[in-house]
N, C-alpha and C. Protein backbone atom coordinates (compact mmCIF):
# COMPACT_ATOMS: atom_id res chain seq x y z
N MET A 1 -129.63 165.56 114.46
CA MET A 1 -128.25 166.06 114.54
C MET A 1 -128.08 166.95 115.78
N ILE A 2 -127.06 166.66 116.59
CA ILE A 2 -126.76 167.46 117.77
C ILE A 2 -125.87 168.63 117.36
N ARG A 3 -126.35 169.84 117.64
CA ARG A 3 -125.59 171.06 117.31
C ARG A 3 -124.75 171.45 118.53
N LEU A 4 -123.44 171.58 118.31
CA LEU A 4 -122.49 171.75 119.41
C LEU A 4 -121.66 173.01 119.22
N VAL A 5 -121.49 173.77 120.32
CA VAL A 5 -120.53 174.87 120.37
C VAL A 5 -119.38 174.45 121.26
N VAL A 6 -118.15 174.66 120.80
CA VAL A 6 -116.95 174.33 121.57
C VAL A 6 -116.31 175.63 122.04
N ALA A 7 -116.10 175.77 123.36
CA ALA A 7 -115.50 176.98 123.94
C ALA A 7 -114.26 176.61 124.74
N ASP A 8 -113.09 176.96 124.20
CA ASP A 8 -111.82 176.66 124.86
C ASP A 8 -110.78 177.62 124.30
N ASP A 9 -109.92 178.16 125.17
CA ASP A 9 -108.97 179.17 124.68
C ASP A 9 -107.66 178.57 124.17
N HIS A 10 -107.53 177.26 124.16
CA HIS A 10 -106.33 176.62 123.62
C HIS A 10 -106.61 176.14 122.20
N PRO A 11 -105.96 176.73 121.18
CA PRO A 11 -106.21 176.33 119.79
C PRO A 11 -106.01 174.84 119.53
N VAL A 12 -105.00 174.25 120.17
CA VAL A 12 -104.73 172.82 119.95
C VAL A 12 -105.87 171.97 120.50
N VAL A 13 -106.41 172.36 121.66
CA VAL A 13 -107.53 171.63 122.24
C VAL A 13 -108.76 171.74 121.33
N ARG A 14 -109.03 172.95 120.86
CA ARG A 14 -110.17 173.13 119.96
C ARG A 14 -110.01 172.31 118.68
N ALA A 15 -108.80 172.31 118.14
CA ALA A 15 -108.56 171.55 116.91
C ALA A 15 -108.80 170.06 117.15
N GLY A 16 -108.35 169.57 118.30
CA GLY A 16 -108.56 168.16 118.62
C GLY A 16 -110.03 167.82 118.78
N LEU A 17 -110.77 168.72 119.42
CA LEU A 17 -112.19 168.49 119.62
C LEU A 17 -112.94 168.54 118.28
N LEU A 18 -112.55 169.48 117.41
CA LEU A 18 -113.19 169.57 116.10
C LEU A 18 -112.95 168.29 115.30
N ALA A 19 -111.73 167.76 115.39
CA ALA A 19 -111.42 166.51 114.69
C ALA A 19 -112.22 165.35 115.26
N LEU A 20 -112.33 165.31 116.58
CA LEU A 20 -113.07 164.23 117.23
C LEU A 20 -114.54 164.25 116.81
N PHE A 21 -115.18 165.40 116.96
CA PHE A 21 -116.61 165.47 116.67
C PHE A 21 -116.89 165.44 115.17
N GLY A 22 -115.89 165.82 114.37
CA GLY A 22 -116.08 165.77 112.92
C GLY A 22 -116.26 164.37 112.40
N SER A 23 -115.82 163.38 113.19
CA SER A 23 -115.95 161.98 112.77
C SER A 23 -117.23 161.34 113.29
N GLU A 24 -118.05 162.12 114.04
CA GLU A 24 -119.29 161.59 114.58
C GLU A 24 -120.46 162.01 113.67
N PRO A 25 -121.19 161.05 113.13
CA PRO A 25 -122.23 161.39 112.15
C PRO A 25 -123.42 162.15 112.71
N ASP A 26 -123.60 162.10 114.03
CA ASP A 26 -124.78 162.74 114.62
C ASP A 26 -124.45 164.01 115.39
N ILE A 27 -123.20 164.50 115.30
CA ILE A 27 -122.80 165.71 116.01
C ILE A 27 -122.20 166.70 115.01
N GLU A 28 -122.68 167.94 115.05
CA GLU A 28 -122.16 169.00 114.18
C GLU A 28 -121.68 170.16 115.03
N VAL A 29 -120.39 170.53 114.91
CA VAL A 29 -119.87 171.70 115.61
C VAL A 29 -120.27 172.94 114.81
N VAL A 30 -121.15 173.75 115.39
CA VAL A 30 -121.66 174.92 114.67
C VAL A 30 -120.85 176.18 114.97
N ALA A 31 -119.99 176.13 116.01
CA ALA A 31 -119.10 177.25 116.32
C ALA A 31 -118.03 176.76 117.28
N ASP A 32 -116.80 177.30 117.10
CA ASP A 32 -115.76 177.07 118.11
C ASP A 32 -115.18 178.43 118.46
N VAL A 33 -115.12 178.72 119.75
CA VAL A 33 -114.77 180.05 120.23
C VAL A 33 -113.70 179.95 121.31
N ALA A 34 -113.00 181.09 121.53
CA ALA A 34 -111.85 181.09 122.44
C ALA A 34 -112.11 181.83 123.75
N GLY A 35 -113.33 182.33 123.95
CA GLY A 35 -113.60 183.09 125.17
C GLY A 35 -115.01 182.88 125.68
N PRO A 36 -115.24 183.20 126.96
CA PRO A 36 -116.57 182.99 127.56
C PRO A 36 -117.65 183.88 126.96
N ASP A 37 -117.32 185.14 126.68
CA ASP A 37 -118.33 186.03 126.09
C ASP A 37 -118.72 185.56 124.70
N GLU A 38 -117.73 185.09 123.94
CA GLU A 38 -118.01 184.55 122.61
C GLU A 38 -118.87 183.30 122.70
N ALA A 39 -118.69 182.53 123.76
CA ALA A 39 -119.50 181.32 123.95
C ALA A 39 -120.97 181.70 124.17
N VAL A 40 -121.19 182.74 124.97
CA VAL A 40 -122.57 183.19 125.20
C VAL A 40 -123.18 183.70 123.89
N ALA A 41 -122.39 184.46 123.13
CA ALA A 41 -122.89 184.99 121.86
C ALA A 41 -123.23 183.85 120.89
N ALA A 42 -122.37 182.84 120.84
CA ALA A 42 -122.62 181.70 119.95
C ALA A 42 -123.86 180.93 120.39
N ALA A 43 -124.06 180.82 121.71
CA ALA A 43 -125.25 180.13 122.22
C ALA A 43 -126.52 180.88 121.82
N GLU A 44 -126.43 182.21 121.76
CA GLU A 44 -127.59 183.01 121.37
C GLU A 44 -127.87 182.92 119.87
N ARG A 45 -126.80 182.91 119.07
CA ARG A 45 -126.96 183.07 117.62
C ARG A 45 -127.02 181.76 116.84
N ARG A 46 -126.36 180.72 117.37
CA ARG A 46 -126.19 179.50 116.57
C ARG A 46 -127.17 178.40 116.94
N ASN A 47 -127.98 178.65 117.95
CA ASN A 47 -129.02 177.70 118.35
C ASN A 47 -128.48 176.28 118.58
N PRO A 48 -127.43 176.15 119.41
CA PRO A 48 -126.88 174.82 119.68
C PRO A 48 -127.74 174.03 120.65
N ASP A 49 -127.54 172.73 120.67
CA ASP A 49 -128.16 171.87 121.68
C ASP A 49 -127.29 171.79 122.92
N VAL A 50 -125.96 171.85 122.71
CA VAL A 50 -125.00 171.70 123.80
C VAL A 50 -123.84 172.68 123.59
N VAL A 51 -123.37 173.28 124.69
CA VAL A 51 -122.14 174.06 124.67
C VAL A 51 -121.11 173.31 125.50
N LEU A 52 -119.96 173.00 124.90
CA LEU A 52 -118.87 172.34 125.60
C LEU A 52 -117.95 173.44 126.12
N MET A 53 -117.88 173.59 127.44
CA MET A 53 -117.31 174.79 128.06
C MET A 53 -116.10 174.49 128.93
N ASP A 54 -114.98 175.19 128.64
CA ASP A 54 -113.86 175.16 129.56
C ASP A 54 -114.20 176.05 130.75
N LEU A 55 -113.46 175.91 131.87
CA LEU A 55 -113.77 176.72 133.05
C LEU A 55 -112.90 177.97 133.16
N GLN A 56 -111.65 177.88 132.73
CA GLN A 56 -110.74 179.02 132.86
C GLN A 56 -110.28 179.46 131.48
N PHE A 57 -110.36 180.77 131.25
CA PHE A 57 -109.93 181.35 129.99
C PHE A 57 -108.86 182.39 130.29
N ARG A 58 -107.67 182.19 129.75
CA ARG A 58 -106.58 183.15 129.98
C ARG A 58 -106.99 184.52 129.45
N ALA A 59 -106.56 185.55 130.17
CA ALA A 59 -106.80 186.93 129.77
C ALA A 59 -108.28 187.31 129.80
N HIS A 60 -109.11 186.51 130.48
CA HIS A 60 -110.52 186.84 130.62
C HIS A 60 -110.88 186.81 132.11
N ALA A 61 -111.49 187.88 132.59
CA ALA A 61 -111.94 187.89 133.98
C ALA A 61 -113.16 186.99 134.16
N THR A 62 -113.95 186.85 133.10
CA THR A 62 -115.13 186.00 133.14
C THR A 62 -114.72 184.53 133.09
N THR A 63 -115.33 183.70 133.92
CA THR A 63 -115.01 182.27 133.93
C THR A 63 -116.04 181.48 133.12
N GLY A 64 -115.72 180.21 132.93
CA GLY A 64 -116.67 179.33 132.27
C GLY A 64 -117.95 179.17 133.07
N ALA A 65 -117.83 179.22 134.40
CA ALA A 65 -119.04 179.12 135.23
C ALA A 65 -119.92 180.35 135.04
N ASP A 66 -119.29 181.54 134.94
CA ASP A 66 -120.06 182.76 134.67
C ASP A 66 -120.80 182.64 133.35
N ALA A 67 -120.09 182.19 132.32
CA ALA A 67 -120.70 182.06 131.00
C ALA A 67 -121.81 181.00 131.02
N THR A 68 -121.59 179.94 131.78
CA THR A 68 -122.61 178.89 131.89
C THR A 68 -123.90 179.45 132.48
N ARG A 69 -123.77 180.26 133.51
CA ARG A 69 -124.95 180.85 134.15
C ARG A 69 -125.71 181.74 133.15
N ARG A 70 -124.98 182.52 132.37
CA ARG A 70 -125.61 183.39 131.38
C ARG A 70 -126.29 182.58 130.27
N ILE A 71 -125.63 181.51 129.85
CA ILE A 71 -126.20 180.68 128.78
C ILE A 71 -127.47 179.99 129.25
N ARG A 72 -127.44 179.49 130.48
CA ARG A 72 -128.61 178.76 130.99
C ARG A 72 -129.79 179.69 131.26
N ALA A 73 -129.52 181.00 131.31
CA ALA A 73 -130.59 181.97 131.52
C ALA A 73 -131.25 182.40 130.21
N LEU A 74 -130.71 181.95 129.07
CA LEU A 74 -131.26 182.32 127.77
C LEU A 74 -132.61 181.64 127.54
N ASP A 75 -133.41 182.22 126.68
CA ASP A 75 -134.61 181.54 126.22
C ASP A 75 -134.19 180.32 125.41
N ALA A 76 -134.90 179.20 125.58
CA ALA A 76 -134.55 177.95 124.88
C ALA A 76 -133.06 177.64 125.06
N ALA A 77 -132.62 177.73 126.30
CA ALA A 77 -131.19 177.60 126.60
C ALA A 77 -130.64 176.22 126.24
N PRO A 78 -129.46 176.18 125.63
CA PRO A 78 -128.81 174.89 125.40
C PRO A 78 -128.27 174.33 126.71
N TYR A 79 -127.98 173.06 126.71
CA TYR A 79 -127.32 172.45 127.86
C TYR A 79 -125.83 172.81 127.81
N VAL A 80 -125.19 172.82 128.97
CA VAL A 80 -123.76 173.12 129.05
C VAL A 80 -123.03 171.94 129.67
N LEU A 81 -121.99 171.52 129.00
CA LEU A 81 -121.15 170.42 129.47
C LEU A 81 -119.75 170.98 129.71
N VAL A 82 -119.28 170.91 130.94
CA VAL A 82 -117.96 171.45 131.28
C VAL A 82 -116.88 170.42 130.93
N LEU A 83 -115.82 170.91 130.29
CA LEU A 83 -114.64 170.08 130.00
C LEU A 83 -113.42 170.87 130.46
N THR A 84 -112.75 170.38 131.49
CA THR A 84 -111.71 171.17 132.14
C THR A 84 -110.60 170.29 132.70
N ASN A 85 -109.51 170.94 133.11
CA ASN A 85 -108.43 170.23 133.80
C ASN A 85 -108.62 170.23 135.31
N TYR A 86 -109.58 171.01 135.80
CA TYR A 86 -109.69 171.27 137.24
C TYR A 86 -110.78 170.41 137.90
N ASP A 87 -110.44 169.85 139.06
CA ASP A 87 -111.42 169.00 139.75
C ASP A 87 -111.57 169.35 141.22
N SER A 88 -111.29 170.61 141.58
CA SER A 88 -111.47 171.01 142.98
C SER A 88 -112.96 171.17 143.29
N ASP A 89 -113.30 171.08 144.57
CA ASP A 89 -114.69 171.29 144.98
C ASP A 89 -115.19 172.66 144.53
N ALA A 90 -114.32 173.68 144.61
CA ALA A 90 -114.73 175.02 144.24
C ALA A 90 -115.16 175.07 142.78
N ASP A 91 -114.37 174.44 141.91
CA ASP A 91 -114.69 174.44 140.48
C ASP A 91 -115.97 173.66 140.20
N ILE A 92 -116.07 172.48 140.81
CA ILE A 92 -117.23 171.62 140.57
C ILE A 92 -118.50 172.31 141.02
N LEU A 93 -118.48 172.86 142.25
CA LEU A 93 -119.67 173.53 142.78
C LEU A 93 -120.06 174.73 141.93
N ALA A 94 -119.06 175.51 141.51
CA ALA A 94 -119.36 176.70 140.70
C ALA A 94 -120.05 176.30 139.41
N ALA A 95 -119.58 175.23 138.78
CA ALA A 95 -120.17 174.80 137.51
C ALA A 95 -121.57 174.23 137.70
N VAL A 96 -121.73 173.38 138.70
CA VAL A 96 -123.03 172.75 138.94
C VAL A 96 -124.06 173.80 139.34
N GLU A 97 -123.66 174.72 140.22
CA GLU A 97 -124.60 175.75 140.66
C GLU A 97 -124.94 176.72 139.52
N ALA A 98 -124.04 176.84 138.53
CA ALA A 98 -124.32 177.71 137.38
C ALA A 98 -125.27 177.04 136.40
N GLY A 99 -125.48 175.72 136.56
CA GLY A 99 -126.44 175.04 135.70
C GLY A 99 -125.85 174.05 134.73
N ALA A 100 -124.56 173.71 134.90
CA ALA A 100 -123.95 172.74 133.99
C ALA A 100 -124.61 171.38 134.13
N SER A 101 -124.84 170.71 133.00
CA SER A 101 -125.46 169.38 133.01
C SER A 101 -124.44 168.28 133.24
N GLY A 102 -123.18 168.58 132.98
CA GLY A 102 -122.16 167.56 133.15
C GLY A 102 -120.80 168.19 133.40
N TYR A 103 -119.85 167.36 133.82
CA TYR A 103 -118.53 167.85 134.19
C TYR A 103 -117.53 166.74 133.88
N LEU A 104 -116.69 166.99 132.88
CA LEU A 104 -115.69 166.01 132.48
C LEU A 104 -114.30 166.62 132.57
N LEU A 105 -113.31 165.78 132.77
CA LEU A 105 -111.92 166.22 132.77
C LEU A 105 -111.29 165.97 131.41
N LYS A 106 -110.28 166.76 131.08
CA LYS A 106 -109.71 166.70 129.73
C LYS A 106 -108.91 165.42 129.46
N ASP A 107 -108.71 164.62 130.50
CA ASP A 107 -108.06 163.32 130.24
C ASP A 107 -109.08 162.22 129.96
N ALA A 108 -110.35 162.60 129.81
CA ALA A 108 -111.39 161.61 129.50
C ALA A 108 -111.13 161.01 128.12
N PRO A 109 -111.36 159.70 127.94
CA PRO A 109 -111.20 159.09 126.62
C PRO A 109 -112.22 159.63 125.64
N PRO A 110 -111.90 159.65 124.36
CA PRO A 110 -112.81 160.24 123.35
C PRO A 110 -114.22 159.68 123.40
N HIS A 111 -114.36 158.36 123.57
CA HIS A 111 -115.70 157.77 123.55
C HIS A 111 -116.54 158.28 124.73
N GLU A 112 -115.87 158.58 125.86
CA GLU A 112 -116.59 159.10 127.02
C GLU A 112 -117.08 160.51 126.76
N LEU A 113 -116.27 161.28 126.04
CA LEU A 113 -116.64 162.66 125.74
C LEU A 113 -117.81 162.72 124.75
N THR A 114 -117.75 161.91 123.70
CA THR A 114 -118.86 161.92 122.73
C THR A 114 -120.15 161.39 123.38
N ALA A 115 -120.02 160.40 124.24
CA ALA A 115 -121.20 159.88 124.95
C ALA A 115 -121.78 160.95 125.87
N ALA A 116 -120.90 161.75 126.50
CA ALA A 116 -121.36 162.79 127.41
C ALA A 116 -122.12 163.88 126.65
N VAL A 117 -121.64 164.22 125.45
CA VAL A 117 -122.34 165.23 124.63
C VAL A 117 -123.73 164.72 124.26
N ARG A 118 -123.82 163.44 123.89
CA ARG A 118 -125.14 162.87 123.55
C ARG A 118 -126.05 162.85 124.77
N ALA A 119 -125.48 162.52 125.94
CA ALA A 119 -126.29 162.49 127.17
C ALA A 119 -126.78 163.89 127.51
N ALA A 120 -125.89 164.89 127.41
CA ALA A 120 -126.28 166.26 127.71
C ALA A 120 -127.38 166.73 126.77
N ALA A 121 -127.25 166.41 125.49
CA ALA A 121 -128.25 166.81 124.50
C ALA A 121 -129.61 166.20 124.81
N ALA A 122 -129.60 165.04 125.45
CA ALA A 122 -130.84 164.36 125.82
C ALA A 122 -131.37 164.82 127.17
N GLY A 123 -130.70 165.80 127.76
CA GLY A 123 -131.15 166.32 129.05
C GLY A 123 -130.70 165.50 130.23
N GLU A 124 -129.70 164.63 130.03
CA GLU A 124 -129.21 163.76 131.10
C GLU A 124 -127.93 164.34 131.70
N SER A 125 -127.61 163.91 132.90
CA SER A 125 -126.38 164.33 133.56
C SER A 125 -125.21 163.49 133.06
N ALA A 126 -124.06 164.13 132.94
CA ALA A 126 -122.86 163.42 132.50
C ALA A 126 -121.69 163.86 133.37
N LEU A 127 -121.34 163.03 134.33
CA LEU A 127 -120.26 163.36 135.25
C LEU A 127 -119.12 162.36 135.14
N ALA A 128 -117.90 162.88 135.10
CA ALA A 128 -116.73 161.99 135.17
C ALA A 128 -116.79 161.22 136.49
N PRO A 129 -116.34 159.96 136.50
CA PRO A 129 -116.41 159.16 137.73
C PRO A 129 -115.82 159.85 138.95
N VAL A 130 -114.65 160.50 138.79
CA VAL A 130 -114.03 161.17 139.93
C VAL A 130 -114.89 162.32 140.44
N ILE A 131 -115.61 162.98 139.53
CA ILE A 131 -116.48 164.10 139.91
C ILE A 131 -117.71 163.57 140.64
N ALA A 132 -118.30 162.50 140.11
CA ALA A 132 -119.46 161.89 140.76
C ALA A 132 -119.10 161.43 142.17
N THR A 133 -117.91 160.85 142.31
CA THR A 133 -117.46 160.39 143.62
C THR A 133 -117.31 161.56 144.58
N ARG A 134 -116.73 162.67 144.07
CA ARG A 134 -116.54 163.85 144.91
C ARG A 134 -117.88 164.40 145.39
N LEU A 135 -118.86 164.46 144.51
CA LEU A 135 -120.17 164.98 144.90
C LEU A 135 -120.86 164.06 145.90
N LEU A 136 -120.71 162.75 145.69
CA LEU A 136 -121.29 161.80 146.64
C LEU A 136 -120.63 161.93 148.01
N ASP A 137 -119.32 162.11 148.01
CA ASP A 137 -118.60 162.28 149.27
C ASP A 137 -119.10 163.52 150.01
N ARG A 138 -119.39 164.60 149.25
CA ARG A 138 -119.90 165.81 149.89
C ARG A 138 -121.25 165.54 150.56
N MET A 139 -122.09 164.75 149.88
CA MET A 139 -123.41 164.45 150.44
C MET A 139 -123.32 163.54 151.66
N ARG A 140 -122.36 162.62 151.62
CA ARG A 140 -122.22 161.66 152.72
C ARG A 140 -121.52 162.26 153.93
N ALA A 141 -120.71 163.28 153.70
CA ALA A 141 -119.93 163.87 154.80
C ALA A 141 -120.10 165.38 154.83
N PRO A 142 -121.33 165.85 155.05
CA PRO A 142 -121.55 167.30 155.01
C PRO A 142 -120.80 168.06 156.09
N GLN A 143 -120.40 167.35 157.16
CA GLN A 143 -119.72 168.05 158.24
C GLN A 143 -118.34 168.55 157.81
N VAL A 144 -117.75 168.00 156.74
CA VAL A 144 -116.44 168.49 156.29
C VAL A 144 -116.56 169.21 154.95
N SER A 145 -117.78 169.56 154.58
CA SER A 145 -117.99 170.26 153.32
C SER A 145 -118.26 171.73 153.58
N LEU A 146 -117.61 172.57 152.81
CA LEU A 146 -117.84 174.00 152.92
C LEU A 146 -118.95 174.41 151.96
N SER A 147 -119.72 175.41 152.35
CA SER A 147 -120.74 175.94 151.46
C SER A 147 -120.06 176.71 150.32
N SER A 148 -120.83 176.99 149.27
CA SER A 148 -120.25 177.71 148.14
C SER A 148 -119.76 179.09 148.57
N ARG A 149 -120.47 179.76 149.48
CA ARG A 149 -120.03 181.07 149.96
C ARG A 149 -118.76 180.95 150.79
N GLU A 150 -118.67 179.91 151.61
CA GLU A 150 -117.45 179.71 152.40
C GLU A 150 -116.25 179.44 151.50
N ILE A 151 -116.49 178.71 150.42
CA ILE A 151 -115.41 178.46 149.46
C ILE A 151 -114.99 179.76 148.79
N GLN A 152 -115.97 180.61 148.44
CA GLN A 152 -115.64 181.92 147.86
C GLN A 152 -114.76 182.72 148.80
N VAL A 153 -115.13 182.76 150.08
CA VAL A 153 -114.34 183.48 151.08
C VAL A 153 -112.92 182.92 151.13
N LEU A 154 -112.81 181.61 151.18
CA LEU A 154 -111.50 180.98 151.32
C LEU A 154 -110.65 181.17 150.06
N GLU A 155 -111.28 181.18 148.90
CA GLU A 155 -110.53 181.46 147.66
C GLU A 155 -109.91 182.86 147.71
N LEU A 156 -110.67 183.82 148.19
CA LEU A 156 -110.14 185.18 148.28
C LEU A 156 -109.04 185.29 149.34
N VAL A 157 -109.22 184.58 150.44
CA VAL A 157 -108.18 184.53 151.47
C VAL A 157 -106.90 183.92 150.88
N ALA A 158 -107.06 182.84 150.12
CA ALA A 158 -105.91 182.19 149.50
C ALA A 158 -105.20 183.11 148.52
N ALA A 159 -105.96 184.04 147.93
CA ALA A 159 -105.38 185.01 146.99
C ALA A 159 -104.72 186.19 147.71
N GLY A 160 -104.73 186.14 149.06
CA GLY A 160 -104.05 187.17 149.83
C GLY A 160 -104.91 188.36 150.21
N ARG A 161 -106.23 188.23 150.06
CA ARG A 161 -107.12 189.35 150.37
C ARG A 161 -107.35 189.45 151.88
N SER A 162 -107.41 190.66 152.38
CA SER A 162 -107.72 190.88 153.79
C SER A 162 -109.22 190.71 154.02
N ASN A 163 -109.61 190.65 155.30
CA ASN A 163 -111.04 190.53 155.60
C ASN A 163 -111.83 191.70 155.01
N THR A 164 -111.25 192.90 155.11
CA THR A 164 -111.92 194.09 154.57
C THR A 164 -112.09 193.96 153.05
N GLU A 165 -111.05 193.48 152.37
CA GLU A 165 -111.11 193.32 150.92
C GLU A 165 -112.09 192.23 150.51
N VAL A 166 -112.12 191.14 151.28
CA VAL A 166 -113.07 190.06 151.01
C VAL A 166 -114.50 190.59 151.15
N ALA A 167 -114.73 191.34 152.19
CA ALA A 167 -116.07 191.91 152.41
C ALA A 167 -116.48 192.80 151.24
N SER A 168 -115.53 193.62 150.78
CA SER A 168 -115.82 194.51 149.65
C SER A 168 -116.10 193.72 148.38
N ASP A 169 -115.29 192.69 148.12
CA ASP A 169 -115.45 191.88 146.90
C ASP A 169 -116.79 191.16 146.88
N LEU A 170 -117.25 190.71 148.05
CA LEU A 170 -118.48 189.91 148.11
C LEU A 170 -119.71 190.74 148.50
N PHE A 171 -119.50 192.05 148.69
CA PHE A 171 -120.62 192.95 149.05
C PHE A 171 -121.32 192.50 150.34
N VAL A 172 -120.50 192.14 151.33
CA VAL A 172 -121.03 191.79 152.65
C VAL A 172 -120.23 192.57 153.68
N SER A 173 -120.66 192.49 154.94
CA SER A 173 -119.95 193.20 156.00
C SER A 173 -118.72 192.40 156.43
N GLU A 174 -117.78 193.09 157.05
CA GLU A 174 -116.59 192.42 157.56
C GLU A 174 -116.96 191.43 158.66
N THR A 175 -118.01 191.75 159.42
CA THR A 175 -118.50 190.84 160.45
C THR A 175 -118.96 189.52 159.83
N THR A 176 -119.64 189.61 158.69
CA THR A 176 -120.10 188.40 157.99
C THR A 176 -118.90 187.57 157.54
N VAL A 177 -117.86 188.24 157.02
CA VAL A 177 -116.66 187.51 156.59
C VAL A 177 -116.04 186.79 157.78
N LYS A 178 -115.94 187.46 158.91
CA LYS A 178 -115.36 186.83 160.11
C LYS A 178 -116.20 185.63 160.55
N SER A 179 -117.53 185.75 160.42
CA SER A 179 -118.41 184.64 160.76
C SER A 179 -118.17 183.45 159.83
N HIS A 180 -118.03 183.73 158.53
CA HIS A 180 -117.72 182.66 157.58
C HIS A 180 -116.39 181.98 157.93
N LEU A 181 -115.40 182.80 158.25
CA LEU A 181 -114.09 182.23 158.58
C LEU A 181 -114.18 181.37 159.84
N ALA A 182 -114.96 181.80 160.82
CA ALA A 182 -115.12 181.00 162.04
C ALA A 182 -115.72 179.63 161.71
N HIS A 183 -116.72 179.61 160.83
CA HIS A 183 -117.32 178.34 160.42
C HIS A 183 -116.31 177.48 159.66
N ILE A 184 -115.52 178.12 158.80
CA ILE A 184 -114.50 177.40 158.03
C ILE A 184 -113.48 176.77 158.97
N TYR A 185 -113.00 177.56 159.95
CA TYR A 185 -112.02 177.03 160.91
C TYR A 185 -112.58 175.82 161.65
N SER A 186 -113.84 175.92 162.05
CA SER A 186 -114.47 174.83 162.79
C SER A 186 -114.58 173.57 161.93
N LYS A 187 -115.03 173.74 160.70
CA LYS A 187 -115.23 172.58 159.82
C LYS A 187 -113.90 171.91 159.46
N LEU A 188 -112.85 172.72 159.29
CA LEU A 188 -111.55 172.17 158.88
C LEU A 188 -110.65 171.86 160.07
N ASP A 189 -111.13 172.20 161.27
CA ASP A 189 -110.38 171.94 162.50
C ASP A 189 -109.01 172.64 162.47
N VAL A 190 -109.07 173.94 162.16
CA VAL A 190 -107.85 174.75 162.12
C VAL A 190 -108.12 176.04 162.91
N SER A 191 -107.05 176.86 163.07
CA SER A 191 -107.24 178.08 163.87
C SER A 191 -106.66 179.32 163.20
N SER A 192 -106.28 179.20 161.92
CA SER A 192 -105.74 180.38 161.24
C SER A 192 -106.09 180.36 159.76
N ARG A 193 -105.96 181.53 159.13
CA ARG A 193 -106.24 181.64 157.70
C ARG A 193 -105.31 180.74 156.88
N THR A 194 -104.01 180.78 157.23
CA THR A 194 -103.03 179.99 156.48
C THR A 194 -103.32 178.50 156.60
N ALA A 195 -103.65 178.06 157.81
CA ALA A 195 -103.95 176.64 158.02
C ALA A 195 -105.23 176.23 157.29
N ALA A 196 -106.20 177.14 157.24
CA ALA A 196 -107.45 176.84 156.55
C ALA A 196 -107.20 176.64 155.06
N VAL A 197 -106.40 177.53 154.46
CA VAL A 197 -106.08 177.40 153.03
C VAL A 197 -105.33 176.10 152.77
N SER A 198 -104.36 175.80 153.61
CA SER A 198 -103.58 174.58 153.44
C SER A 198 -104.46 173.33 153.56
N ALA A 199 -105.34 173.31 154.57
CA ALA A 199 -106.22 172.16 154.77
C ALA A 199 -107.19 172.02 153.60
N ALA A 200 -107.71 173.14 153.10
CA ALA A 200 -108.65 173.09 151.97
C ALA A 200 -107.98 172.56 150.72
N ARG A 201 -106.72 172.91 150.52
CA ARG A 201 -105.98 172.39 149.35
C ARG A 201 -105.72 170.89 149.49
N ARG A 202 -105.38 170.47 150.70
CA ARG A 202 -105.15 169.04 150.92
C ARG A 202 -106.40 168.23 150.65
N ARG A 203 -107.55 168.77 151.01
CA ARG A 203 -108.83 168.05 150.84
C ARG A 203 -109.38 168.16 149.43
N GLY A 204 -108.75 168.98 148.58
CA GLY A 204 -109.26 169.14 147.22
C GLY A 204 -110.39 170.15 147.12
N ILE A 205 -110.59 170.93 148.20
CA ILE A 205 -111.65 171.95 148.18
C ILE A 205 -111.21 173.14 147.33
N LEU A 206 -109.94 173.52 147.48
CA LEU A 206 -109.35 174.56 146.65
C LEU A 206 -108.28 173.95 145.76
N ARG A 207 -108.04 174.61 144.63
CA ARG A 207 -106.93 174.18 143.78
C ARG A 207 -105.62 174.34 144.50
N GLN A 208 -104.66 173.49 144.14
CA GLN A 208 -103.31 173.64 144.68
C GLN A 208 -102.72 174.96 144.19
N GLY A 209 -102.09 175.68 145.07
CA GLY A 209 -101.54 176.98 144.68
C GLY A 209 -100.25 176.86 143.90
């Protein structure tokens, strides 16, 4: 029996997932929670095989990627499968780098979701086709791919942060931030912060604002 924790802050989504997995004879939902901290606590206490994790939780500063990193650092850590509406490079990279075993979008058909949970429980990767394609594209075209740190910088710029504020948020010097921005401008073939944000959104590197 696969023991599953469901973490999503939308009650209707959780109810739908509980109904879906309730009809699967080999999957048992041992906890359903509405926040990232609760997901970590459930992973510690309920001994699941897999945690099904949303990426964004309203009214929580902690993200699903943050919770994924904490869960994967546990002793006898369960696998984490991301289920989200977001497919930007920033979201995908954050989840994969945090240790997620799979990444699915919420428009996935039910059979794909149950198969992904079984794959994750078996230690296999489970990626939605569009996500797999995006990762392959990054590997094939590294010259137009931003590093995770460059994406962090650009996300803060998109949020209206100054270079000084970005440096403070990331605990680096302002010179380092300017260096990151110079690399970003070069990779995206732009010459300003506004153009960089716009180009990154067009390419799917950042979420649409």
